[in-house]
Amino acid sequence: MAGDTGGRGSKGASGREPRRHTADIERIALVAHHAIHKTRPHSVGHVKLNLILWHVDLEHYRRFGSSMTGLKEYVRGPHGPLSWSIVAAVAGLVRQRRVSDSATVRNGISGRELASLQSPADLADLTADQAGIIDRMVRALAPLTAHQLLSMLQADPLWRETRPGSAMVISTGAIVTRSGAVPREPRTATE
């Protein structure tokens, strides 16, 4: 299956063995790199990036019937939707020296900060609509504080109904997840 339910070989909260990375890591890396490149350097870490890509995938699914990353689902992680395939794709970008990943401590909380080291070379592989969706989600979510993001998650019906460690299916999220924090652009007559 194209999605993953998170995990690195350990059993999830459901007691089942999670699926391995079977998604197109190159496609995920392209979308992730574009999102990281659009943020201020070191203003986004893995948690926020996963949340941005979750909303990118939801919006793309609503408009085109498939996720932009190719994932089918994320896992309900402790701080937001999470895909280990996204983590793996970012690790690949770091190894290729296209993105930096540095440890940070802010207000006594440790985290990771990502920054684009070069412009994504393969932007031609994104349509104007896809680049626009990524740009809108970055503009809406990257500036939010951890408290604002947590409030947004707590208002999400799918988040509330999904047990920690369980799958958050993109097709379901596209129907039930709505967020006032994520502005919706008016559709044109051709969409």
C-alpha atoms as a PDB file:
ATOM      1  CA  MET A   1       0.000   0.000   0.000  1.00  0.00           C
ATOM      2  CA  ALA A   2       1.270   3.501  -0.749  1.00  0.00           C
ATOM      3  CA  GLY A   3       0.822   4.803   2.797  1.00  0.00           C
ATOM      4  CA  ASP A   4       2.461   3.958   6.025  1.00  0.00           C
ATOM      5  CA  THR A   5       1.123   3.811   9.522  1.00  0.00           C
ATOM      6  CA  GLY A   6       4.378   4.874  11.096  1.00  0.00           C
ATOM      7  CA  GLY A   7       6.830   2.867  13.023  1.00  0.00           C
ATOM      8  CA  ARG A   8      10.255   1.414  12.609  1.00  0.00           C
ATOM      9  CA  GLY A   9       9.550  -2.256  13.002  1.00  0.00           C
ATOM     10  CA  SER A  10       7.911  -1.962  16.413  1.00  0.00           C
ATOM     11  CA  LYS A  11       4.281  -2.707  17.023  1.00  0.00           C
ATOM     12  CA  GLY A  12       1.966   0.277  17.043  1.00  0.00           C
ATOM     13  CA  ALA A  13      -0.702   1.097  19.630  1.00  0.00           C
ATOM     14  CA  SER A  14      -3.060  -1.325  17.869  1.00  0.00           C
ATOM     15  CA  GLY A  15      -0.638  -4.207  18.519  1.00  0.00           C
ATOM     16  CA  ARG A  16      -0.241  -4.811  14.773  1.00  0.00           C
ATOM     17  CA  GLU A  17       3.049  -4.668  12.949  1.00  0.00           C
ATOM     18  CA  PRO A  18       3.058  -1.343  11.027  1.00  0.00           C
ATOM     19  CA  ARG A  19       3.661  -1.331   7.291  1.00  0.00           C
ATOM     20  CA  ARG A  20       7.082  -0.332   6.001  1.00  0.00           C
ATOM     21  CA  HIS A  21       7.895   2.569   3.687  1.00  0.00           C
ATOM     22  CA  THR A  22       6.249   1.624   0.435  1.00  0.00           C
ATOM     23  CA  ALA A  23       5.531   5.119  -0.806  1.00  0.00           C
ATOM     24  CA  ASP A  24       7.448   6.907  -3.559  1.00  0.00           C
ATOM     25  CA  ILE A  25      10.161   8.525  -1.423  1.00  0.00           C
ATOM     26  CA  GLU A  26      11.332  10.701  -4.334  1.00  0.00           C
ATOM     27  CA  ARG A  27       7.852  12.198  -4.744  1.00  0.00           C
ATOM     28  CA  ILE A  28       7.566  12.806  -1.004  1.00  0.00           C
ATOM     29  CA  ALA A  29      11.044  14.392  -1.009  1.00  0.00           C
ATOM     30  CA  LEU A  30      10.024  16.729  -3.852  1.00  0.00           C
ATOM     31  CA  VAL A  31       6.914  17.940  -2.003  1.00  0.00           C
ATOM     32  CA  ALA A  32       8.737  18.160   1.349  1.00  0.00           C
ATOM     33  CA  HIS A  33      11.676  20.070  -0.166  1.00  0.00           C
ATOM     34  CA  HIS A  34       9.347  22.561  -1.838  1.00  0.00           C
ATOM     35  CA  ALA A  35       7.537  23.130   1.495  1.00  0.00           C
ATOM     36  CA  ILE A  36      10.802  23.503   3.448  1.00  0.00           C
ATOM     37  CA  HIS A  37      12.169  25.866   0.780  1.00  0.00           C
ATOM     38  CA  LYS A  38       9.081  28.097   1.152  1.00  0.00           C
ATOM     39  CA  THR A  39       9.533  28.524   4.929  1.00  0.00           C
ATOM     40  CA  ARG A  40      11.887  30.888   6.718  1.00  0.00           C
ATOM     41  CA  PRO A  41      15.122  29.030   7.503  1.00  0.00           C
ATOM     42  CA  HIS A  42      14.855  27.020  10.710  1.00  0.00           C
ATOM     43  CA  SER A  43      11.161  27.908  11.226  1.00  0.00           C
ATOM     44  CA  VAL A  44       9.865  24.394  10.580  1.00  0.00           C
ATOM     45  CA  GLY A  45      10.784  21.057  12.099  1.00  0.00           C
ATOM     46  CA  HIS A  46       9.592  17.517  11.485  1.00  0.00           C
ATOM     47  CA  VAL A  47       6.321  17.907  13.438  1.00  0.00           C
ATOM     48  CA  LYS A  48       5.266  21.067  11.610  1.00  0.00           C
ATOM     49  CA  LEU A  49       6.429  19.703   8.244  1.00  0.00           C
ATOM     50  CA  ASN A  50       4.327  16.562   8.705  1.00  0.00           C
ATOM     51  CA  LEU A  51       1.325  18.727   9.611  1.00  0.00           C
ATOM     52  CA  ILE A  52       1.864  20.967   6.567  1.00  0.00           C
ATOM     53  CA  LEU A  53       2.129  17.934   4.263  1.00  0.00           C
ATOM     54  CA  TRP A  54      -0.967  16.368   5.878  1.00  0.00           C
ATOM     55  CA  HIS A  55      -2.944  19.490   4.920  1.00  0.00           C
ATOM     56  CA  VAL A  56      -1.298  19.587   1.477  1.00  0.00           C
ATOM     57  CA  ASP A  57      -2.407  15.985   0.928  1.00  0.00           C
ATOM     58  CA  LEU A  58      -5.942  16.695   2.188  1.00  0.00           C
ATOM     59  CA  GLU A  59      -6.377  19.698  -0.085  1.00  0.00           C
ATOM     60  CA  HIS A  60      -4.899  17.886  -3.086  1.00  0.00           C
ATOM     61  CA  TYR A  61      -7.209  14.925  -2.420  1.00  0.00           C
ATOM     62  CA  ARG A  62     -10.236  17.236  -2.236  1.00  0.00           C
ATOM     63  CA  ARG A  63      -9.377  18.844  -5.546  1.00  0.00           C
ATOM     64  CA  PHE A  64      -7.895  15.960  -7.538  1.00  0.00           C
ATOM     65  CA  GLY A  65      -8.879  12.678  -5.835  1.00  0.00           C
ATOM     66  CA  SER A  66      -5.368  11.680  -4.716  1.00  0.00           C
ATOM     67  CA  SER A  67      -2.770  12.892  -2.246  1.00  0.00           C
ATOM     68  CA  MET A  68       0.088  14.979  -3.587  1.00  0.00           C
ATOM     69  CA  THR A  69       2.759  12.926  -1.818  1.00  0.00           C
ATOM     70  CA  GLY A  70       1.271   9.602  -2.898  1.00  0.00           C
ATOM     71  CA  LEU A  71       0.655   8.601   0.719  1.00  0.00           C
ATOM     72  CA  LYS A  72      -2.671   7.010   1.623  1.00  0.00           C
ATOM     73  CA  GLU A  73      -2.452   7.606   5.360  1.00  0.00           C
ATOM     74  CA  TYR A  74      -0.466   9.088   8.212  1.00  0.00           C
ATOM     75  CA  VAL A  75      -0.331   7.839  11.795  1.00  0.00           C
ATOM     76  CA  ARG A  76      -1.733   9.804  14.732  1.00  0.00           C
ATOM     77  CA  GLY A  77       1.562  10.699  16.351  1.00  0.00           C
ATOM     78  CA  PRO A  78       1.920  12.336  19.751  1.00  0.00           C
ATOM     79  CA  HIS A  79       2.134  15.870  18.278  1.00  0.00           C
ATOM     80  CA  GLY A  80       0.258  15.566  14.995  1.00  0.00           C
ATOM     81  CA  PRO A  81      -0.137  13.484  11.848  1.00  0.00           C
ATOM     82  CA  LEU A  82       3.107  11.639  11.100  1.00  0.00           C
ATOM     83  CA  SER A  83       4.488   9.599   8.236  1.00  0.00           C
ATOM     84  CA  TRP A  84       7.780   7.777   8.628  1.00  0.00           C
ATOM     85  CA  SER A  85       8.060   8.010   4.839  1.00  0.00           C
ATOM     86  CA  ILE A  86       8.270  11.806   5.190  1.00  0.00           C
ATOM     87  CA  VAL A  87      10.951  11.412   7.851  1.00  0.00           C
ATOM     88  CA  ALA A  88      12.862   9.059   5.511  1.00  0.00           C
ATOM     89  CA  ALA A  89      12.481  11.456   2.570  1.00  0.00           C
ATOM     90  CA  VAL A  90      13.814  14.371   4.631  1.00  0.00           C
ATOM     91  CA  ALA A  91      16.736  12.212   5.797  1.00  0.00           C
ATOM     92  CA  GLY A  92      17.529  11.611   2.121  1.00  0.00           C
ATOM     93  CA  LEU A  93      17.421  15.360   1.424  1.00  0.00           C
ATOM     94  CA  VAL A  94      19.832  15.902   4.326  1.00  0.00           C
ATOM     95  CA  ARG A  95      22.217  13.221   2.994  1.00  0.00           C
ATOM     96  CA  GLN A  96      22.105  14.918  -0.427  1.00  0.00           C
ATOM     97  CA  ARG A  97      22.890  18.255   1.284  1.00  0.00           C
ATOM     98  CA  ARG A  98      19.727  19.803  -0.103  1.00  0.00           C
ATOM     99  CA  VAL A  99      18.268  20.397   3.390  1.00  0.00           C
ATOM    100  CA  SER A 100      19.855  20.927   6.804  1.00  0.00           C
ATOM    101  CA  ASP A 101      18.458  19.331   9.964  1.00  0.00           C
ATOM    102  CA  SER A 102      19.756  20.755  13.224  1.00  0.00           C
ATOM    103  CA  ALA A 103      18.940  20.172  16.883  1.00  0.00           C
ATOM    104  CA  THR A 104      17.481  23.072  18.828  1.00  0.00           C
ATOM    105  CA  VAL A 105      16.182  23.862  22.298  1.00  0.00           C
ATOM    106  CA  ARG A 106      13.553  26.573  22.716  1.00  0.00           C
ATOM    107  CA  ASN A 107      11.846  27.328  25.994  1.00  0.00           C
ATOM    108  CA  GLY A 108      13.338  24.144  27.411  1.00  0.00           C
ATOM    109  CA  ILE A 109      11.847  21.991  24.637  1.00  0.00           C
ATOM    110  CA  SER A 110      14.162  20.158  22.274  1.00  0.00           C
ATOM    111  CA  GLY A 111      13.322  19.797  18.622  1.00  0.00           C
ATOM    112  CA  ARG A 112      14.671  19.726  15.093  1.00  0.00           C
ATOM    113  CA  GLU A 113      14.832  22.624  12.634  1.00  0.00           C
ATOM    114  CA  LEU A 114      14.908  22.197   8.881  1.00  0.00           C
ATOM    115  CA  ALA A 115      16.234  24.641   6.291  1.00  0.00           C
ATOM    116  CA  SER A 116      16.556  24.403   2.537  1.00  0.00           C
ATOM    117  CA  LEU A 117      20.169  24.674   1.380  1.00  0.00           C
ATOM    118  CA  GLN A 118      19.298  24.954  -2.303  1.00  0.00           C
ATOM    119  CA  SER A 119      16.328  25.544  -4.538  1.00  0.00           C
ATOM    120  CA  PRO A 120      14.444  22.331  -5.379  1.00  0.00           C
ATOM    121  CA  ALA A 121      15.830  21.284  -8.763  1.00  0.00           C
ATOM    122  CA  ASP A 122      12.812  19.286  -9.855  1.00  0.00           C
ATOM    123  CA  LEU A 123      10.076  21.914  -9.505  1.00  0.00           C
ATOM    124  CA  ALA A 124       8.981  21.193 -13.074  1.00  0.00           C
ATOM    125  CA  ASP A 125       7.540  17.967 -11.655  1.00  0.00           C
ATOM    126  CA  LEU A 126       4.935  20.023  -9.759  1.00  0.00           C
ATOM    127  CA  THR A 127       1.996  21.610 -11.533  1.00  0.00           C
ATOM    128  CA  ALA A 128       1.104  25.233 -10.831  1.00  0.00           C
ATOM    129  CA  ASP A 129      -1.911  24.000  -8.841  1.00  0.00           C
ATOM    130  CA  GLN A 130       0.282  21.715  -6.734  1.00  0.00           C
ATOM    131  CA  ALA A 131       2.863  24.415  -6.043  1.00  0.00           C
ATOM    132  CA  GLY A 132      -0.002  26.754  -5.133  1.00  0.00           C
ATOM    133  CA  ILE A 133      -1.444  24.265  -2.629  1.00  0.00           C
ATOM    134  CA  ILE A 134       1.957  23.836  -0.966  1.00  0.00           C
ATOM    135  CA  ASP A 135       2.514  27.593  -0.869  1.00  0.00           C
ATOM    136  CA  ARG A 136      -0.923  28.239   0.710  1.00  0.00           C
ATOM    137  CA  MET A 137      -0.438  25.589   3.394  1.00  0.00           C
ATOM    138  CA  VAL A 138       3.054  26.890   4.230  1.00  0.00           C
ATOM    139  CA  ARG A 139       1.744  30.474   4.487  1.00  0.00           C
ATOM    140  CA  ALA A 140      -1.125  29.337   6.716  1.00  0.00           C
ATOM    141  CA  LEU A 141       0.653  26.858   8.994  1.00  0.00           C
ATOM    142  CA  ALA A 142       4.375  27.698   9.198  1.00  0.00           C
ATOM    143  CA  PRO A 143       3.841  30.919  11.226  1.00  0.00           C
ATOM    144  CA  LEU A 144       1.652  29.184  13.836  1.00  0.00           C
ATOM    145  CA  THR A 145       2.963  28.515  17.320  1.00  0.00           C
ATOM    146  CA  ALA A 146       2.951  25.070  18.922  1.00  0.00           C
ATOM    147  CA  HIS A 147      -0.046  26.158  21.027  1.00  0.00           C
ATOM    148  CA  GLN A 148      -1.976  27.294  17.941  1.00  0.00           C
ATOM    149  CA  LEU A 149      -1.183  24.048  16.116  1.00  0.00           C
ATOM    150  CA  LEU A 150      -2.302  21.990  19.117  1.00  0.00           C
ATOM    151  CA  SER A 151      -5.589  23.939  19.288  1.00  0.00           C
ATOM    152  CA  MET A 152      -6.119  23.316  15.591  1.00  0.00           C
ATOM    153  CA  LEU A 153      -5.478  19.577  16.041  1.00  0.00           C
ATOM    154  CA  GLN A 154      -7.814  19.363  19.028  1.00  0.00           C
ATOM    155  CA  ALA A 155     -10.592  20.897  16.914  1.00  0.00           C
ATOM    156  CA  ASP A 156     -10.117  18.293  14.165  1.00  0.00           C
ATOM    157  CA  PRO A 157     -12.810  15.566  14.360  1.00  0.00           C
ATOM    158  CA  LEU A 158     -10.549  12.935  12.772  1.00  0.00           C
ATOM    159  CA  TRP A 159      -7.772  13.689  15.266  1.00  0.00           C
ATOM    160  CA  ARG A 160     -10.212  13.435  18.190  1.00  0.00           C
ATOM    161  CA  GLU A 161     -11.653  10.114  16.983  1.00  0.00           C
ATOM    162  CA  THR A 162      -8.349   8.443  16.062  1.00  0.00           C
ATOM    163  CA  ARG A 163      -6.469   6.583  18.779  1.00  0.00           C
ATOM    164  CA  PRO A 164      -2.768   7.421  19.181  1.00  0.00           C
ATOM    165  CA  GLY A 165      -0.688   5.248  16.878  1.00  0.00           C
ATOM    166  CA  SER A 166      -3.633   4.493  14.581  1.00  0.00           C
ATOM    167  CA  ALA A 167      -3.978   5.383  10.920  1.00  0.00           C
ATOM    168  CA  MET A 168      -5.358   8.730   9.810  1.00  0.00           C
ATOM    169  CA  VAL A 169      -6.586   7.977   6.299  1.00  0.00           C
ATOM    170  CA  ILE A 170      -6.242  10.870   3.856  1.00  0.00           C
ATOM    171  CA  SER A 171      -9.494  10.144   2.018  1.00  0.00           C
ATOM    172  CA  THR A 172     -11.383  10.310   5.330  1.00  0.00           C
ATOM    173  CA  GLY A 173      -9.491  13.395   6.471  1.00  0.00           C
ATOM    174  CA  ALA A 174     -10.351  15.145   3.206  1.00  0.00           C
ATOM    175  CA  ILE A 175     -14.017  14.802   4.133  1.00  0.00           C
ATOM    176  CA  VAL A 176     -14.030  15.512   7.875  1.00  0.00           C
ATOM    177  CA  THR A 177     -10.987  17.710   8.557  1.00  0.00           C
ATOM    178  CA  ARG A 178     -11.685  21.400   8.181  1.00  0.00           C
ATOM    179  CA  SER A 179      -9.590  24.084   9.754  1.00  0.00           C
ATOM    180  CA  GLY A 180     -10.230  27.770  10.098  1.00  0.00           C
ATOM    181  CA  ALA A 181      -6.439  28.183  10.287  1.00  0.00           C
ATOM    182  CA  VAL A 182      -6.029  26.929   6.733  1.00  0.00           C
ATOM    183  CA  PRO A 183      -7.471  29.497   4.313  1.00  0.00           C
ATOM    184  CA  ARG A 184      -9.337  28.117   1.361  1.00  0.00           C
ATOM    185  CA  GLU A 185      -8.776  29.851  -1.941  1.00  0.00           C
ATOM    186  CA  PRO A 186     -11.841  30.550  -4.072  1.00  0.00           C
ATOM    187  CA  ARG A 187     -12.222  28.051  -6.887  1.00  0.00           C
ATOM    188  CA  THR A 188     -12.286  29.183 -10.459  1.00  0.00           C
ATOM    189  CA  ALA A 189     -14.982  28.213 -12.942  1.00  0.00           C
ATOM    190  CA  THR A 190     -12.616  25.685 -14.545  1.00  0.00           C
ATOM    191  CA  GLU A 191     -12.052  23.670 -11.332  1.00  0.00           C
END
